[in-house]
Amino acid sequence: MRRIPDGGGGSVEVHDTLRIGASLTTHGPRPFIDEVARFGGRVAIRTDDVSGLPTASELLGHCPDGTAVYACGPAPMLTAIRAELAGRDNVELHFERFAAPPVVDERRLSALDRTGVRAPYSCRQGFCGTCRTRVLDGIVDHRDTLLPYPERDSGMMLICTSRGVEGSRLTLDL
């Protein structure tokens, strides 16, 4: 089992609490294999224990225009897939995280709401992307795990969790 320090905690607990010689009974992560087997060669079952950790490019394969991509997994995988598809307006991405990150701070969205500015939002936790907003001026303290670096670098932010760097101001394209 890989130790994933930024993961949900399972791998860290196993590495920190189990001792050499401990006995465990586990089952591999193979949900729904029988159900997807009926699709034959149109579905590929790929597991990290056999093939190693995949890149976003490997997961997406040939992704022609008009494709709908459905992804469910940990935040780093989803971030990599979103970054790989950045600029591909002709590919529709649907995604779901294994678990939502905790709400860290939603001061910006709450402040906008209090002043009557109605910005789009859904989850208020920085994982759905609905509140993605262009930053016209200022430096963002990104507190989400969703927005890919190319989007951050191009001046986007998620206003439900991210905010301006301490003591600075942000100008948003609302």
Protein backbone atom coordinates (compact mmCIF):
# COMPACT_ATOMS: atom_id res chain seq x y z
CA MET A 1 0.00 0.00 0.00
CA ARG A 2 1.28 3.42 -0.92
CA ARG A 3 1.58 6.04 1.82
CA ILE A 4 -0.37 9.07 0.63
CA PRO A 5 0.27 11.90 3.12
CA ASP A 6 -2.35 14.23 1.59
CA GLY A 7 -4.98 11.49 1.15
CA GLY A 8 -8.00 10.67 3.25
CA GLY A 9 -5.92 9.16 6.04
CA GLY A 10 -6.25 5.42 5.42
CA SER A 11 -2.77 4.87 4.04
CA VAL A 12 -1.19 7.04 6.74
CA GLU A 13 -3.00 5.09 9.46
CA VAL A 14 -1.85 1.76 8.03
CA HIS A 15 1.76 2.95 7.81
CA ASP A 16 1.74 4.55 11.27
CA THR A 17 -0.19 1.97 13.30
CA LEU A 18 0.44 -1.47 11.79
CA ARG A 19 3.57 -3.29 12.86
CA ILE A 20 5.67 -5.76 10.90
CA GLY A 21 4.08 -9.18 11.19
CA ALA A 22 0.51 -7.89 11.65
CA SER A 23 -2.11 -10.01 9.85
CA LEU A 24 -4.68 -8.35 7.63
CA THR A 25 -7.47 -9.58 5.42
CA THR A 26 -8.32 -7.34 2.49
CA HIS A 27 -10.03 -7.39 -0.85
CA GLY A 28 -8.69 -5.55 -3.87
CA PRO A 29 -10.49 -2.48 -5.18
CA ARG A 30 -12.51 -4.26 -7.84
CA PRO A 31 -16.11 -2.87 -7.54
CA PHE A 32 -18.59 -3.46 -10.40
CA ILE A 33 -16.22 -5.61 -12.52
CA ASP A 34 -19.00 -8.06 -13.39
CA GLU A 35 -21.33 -5.21 -14.33
CA VAL A 36 -18.86 -3.54 -16.72
CA ALA A 37 -17.65 -6.83 -18.21
CA ARG A 38 -20.76 -6.92 -20.41
CA PHE A 39 -19.34 -3.97 -22.36
CA GLY A 40 -16.43 -6.12 -23.55
CA GLY A 41 -13.51 -4.31 -25.15
CA ARG A 42 -15.18 -0.92 -24.85
CA VAL A 43 -14.20 -0.80 -21.15
CA ALA A 44 -10.71 -1.26 -19.80
CA ILE A 45 -10.14 -2.24 -16.18
CA ARG A 46 -6.89 -0.64 -15.03
CA THR A 47 -5.58 -0.93 -11.48
CA ASP A 48 -2.64 0.83 -9.86
CA ASP A 49 -1.34 -2.38 -8.30
CA VAL A 50 -0.82 -3.88 -11.74
CA SER A 51 -0.18 -0.87 -14.00
CA GLY A 52 1.18 1.76 -11.62
CA LEU A 53 -0.15 5.25 -11.00
CA PRO A 54 -1.59 6.58 -14.29
CA THR A 55 -1.10 10.03 -15.76
CA ALA A 56 -4.13 12.07 -16.82
CA SER A 57 -3.14 11.48 -20.43
CA GLU A 58 -3.17 7.71 -19.88
CA LEU A 59 -6.55 7.86 -18.17
CA LEU A 60 -8.10 9.95 -20.93
CA GLY A 61 -6.52 8.12 -23.85
CA HIS A 62 -7.69 9.35 -27.24
CA CYS A 63 -10.38 11.86 -26.33
CA PRO A 64 -12.01 13.11 -29.55
CA ASP A 65 -14.18 16.20 -29.84
CA GLY A 66 -17.69 15.63 -28.52
CA THR A 67 -16.57 13.16 -25.86
CA ALA A 68 -18.15 13.16 -22.40
CA VAL A 69 -15.64 12.21 -19.68
CA TYR A 70 -16.90 10.88 -16.34
CA ALA A 71 -14.35 10.75 -13.52
CA CYS A 72 -14.63 9.90 -9.84
CA GLY A 73 -11.64 9.84 -7.57
CA PRO A 74 -9.25 11.71 -5.33
CA ALA A 75 -8.62 15.43 -5.77
CA PRO A 76 -5.11 15.12 -7.31
CA MET A 77 -6.42 12.81 -10.05
CA LEU A 78 -9.35 15.10 -10.82
CA THR A 79 -7.07 18.14 -10.87
CA ALA A 80 -4.74 16.40 -13.33
CA ILE A 81 -7.66 15.43 -15.60
CA ARG A 82 -9.08 18.96 -15.51
CA ALA A 83 -5.64 20.39 -16.35
CA GLU A 84 -5.26 17.92 -19.24
CA LEU A 85 -8.64 19.02 -20.63
CA ALA A 86 -8.07 22.76 -20.07
CA GLY A 87 -8.99 24.63 -23.22
CA ARG A 88 -10.93 21.67 -24.67
CA ASP A 89 -14.37 23.31 -24.77
CA ASN A 90 -15.56 20.49 -27.01
CA VAL A 91 -15.04 17.81 -24.31
CA GLU A 92 -17.62 17.64 -21.53
CA LEU A 93 -16.22 16.74 -18.10
CA HIS A 94 -18.38 15.36 -15.28
CA PHE A 95 -16.63 14.54 -12.01
CA GLU A 96 -17.19 13.59 -8.41
CA ARG A 97 -14.69 13.44 -5.56
CA PHE A 98 -14.35 10.46 -3.27
CA ALA A 99 -15.00 12.88 -0.39
CA ALA A 100 -15.59 16.59 -0.11
CA PRO A 101 -12.86 18.65 1.49
CA PRO A 102 -13.86 20.47 4.67
CA VAL A 103 -15.15 24.01 4.42
CA VAL A 104 -12.10 26.09 5.27
CA ASP A 105 -13.39 29.59 4.78
CA GLU A 106 -16.17 31.09 2.75
CA ARG A 107 -15.70 34.71 3.76
CA ARG A 108 -15.54 36.05 0.18
CA LEU A 109 -18.75 34.39 -0.98
CA SER A 110 -20.51 35.38 2.25
CA ALA A 111 -19.29 38.97 1.89
CA LEU A 112 -20.60 39.15 -1.67
CA ASP A 113 -23.92 37.72 -0.57
CA ARG A 114 -24.24 40.25 2.29
CA THR A 115 -23.71 43.14 -0.13
CA GLY A 116 -26.33 41.86 -2.55
CA VAL A 117 -23.92 40.56 -5.22
CA ARG A 118 -25.40 37.27 -6.41
CA ALA A 119 -22.52 35.08 -7.60
CA PRO A 120 -23.15 31.50 -8.74
CA TYR A 121 -22.24 28.76 -6.28
CA SER A 122 -23.33 25.29 -5.27
CA CYS A 123 -21.20 23.31 -2.82
CA ARG A 124 -19.57 26.19 -0.88
CA GLN A 125 -16.62 23.84 -0.29
CA GLY A 126 -14.41 24.38 -3.34
CA PHE A 127 -15.02 21.11 -5.12
CA CYS A 128 -17.84 21.72 -7.63
CA GLY A 129 -16.34 24.65 -9.54
CA THR A 130 -19.65 26.52 -9.92
CA CYS A 131 -18.28 29.71 -8.34
CA ARG A 132 -15.27 29.95 -10.69
CA THR A 133 -14.64 33.68 -11.19
CA ARG A 134 -12.06 35.73 -13.11
CA VAL A 135 -9.73 37.87 -10.99
CA LEU A 136 -9.06 41.24 -12.59
CA ASP A 137 -6.55 42.44 -10.01
CA GLY A 138 -4.90 41.18 -6.84
CA ILE A 139 -3.14 38.05 -5.57
CA VAL A 140 -5.27 35.03 -4.69
CA ASP A 141 -4.73 32.71 -1.74
CA HIS A 142 -6.10 29.54 -3.39
CA ARG A 143 -7.68 27.33 -0.73
CA ASP A 144 -9.42 24.83 -2.99
CA THR A 145 -8.04 21.58 -4.38
CA LEU A 146 -10.04 21.66 -7.61
CA LEU A 147 -8.91 24.56 -9.78
CA PRO A 148 -6.08 23.40 -12.06
CA TYR A 149 -2.88 25.42 -12.09
CA PRO A 150 -3.37 26.61 -15.68
CA GLU A 151 -6.72 28.15 -14.66
CA ARG A 152 -5.19 29.67 -11.53
CA ASP A 153 -2.33 31.08 -13.61
CA SER A 154 -4.81 32.54 -16.12
CA GLY A 155 -6.50 34.51 -13.32
CA MET A 156 -9.37 32.32 -12.14
CA MET A 157 -10.39 31.50 -8.57
CA LEU A 158 -13.13 29.72 -6.65
CA ILE A 159 -14.73 32.48 -4.59
CA CYS A 160 -16.37 30.14 -2.08
CA THR A 161 -13.11 29.11 -0.40
CA SER A 162 -10.26 31.16 -1.84
CA ARG A 163 -9.54 34.78 -1.02
CA GLY A 164 -7.00 37.55 -1.39
CA VAL A 165 -3.61 37.20 0.22
CA GLU A 166 -3.72 38.62 3.76
CA GLY A 167 -3.89 42.41 3.69
CA SER A 168 -4.50 42.68 -0.06
CA ARG A 169 -7.55 43.46 -2.18
CA LEU A 170 -9.07 41.54 -5.06
CA THR A 171 -11.00 42.90 -8.01
CA LEU A 172 -13.33 40.26 -9.44
CA ASP A 173 -15.17 40.06 -12.76
CA LEU A 174 -18.70 39.62 -11.42
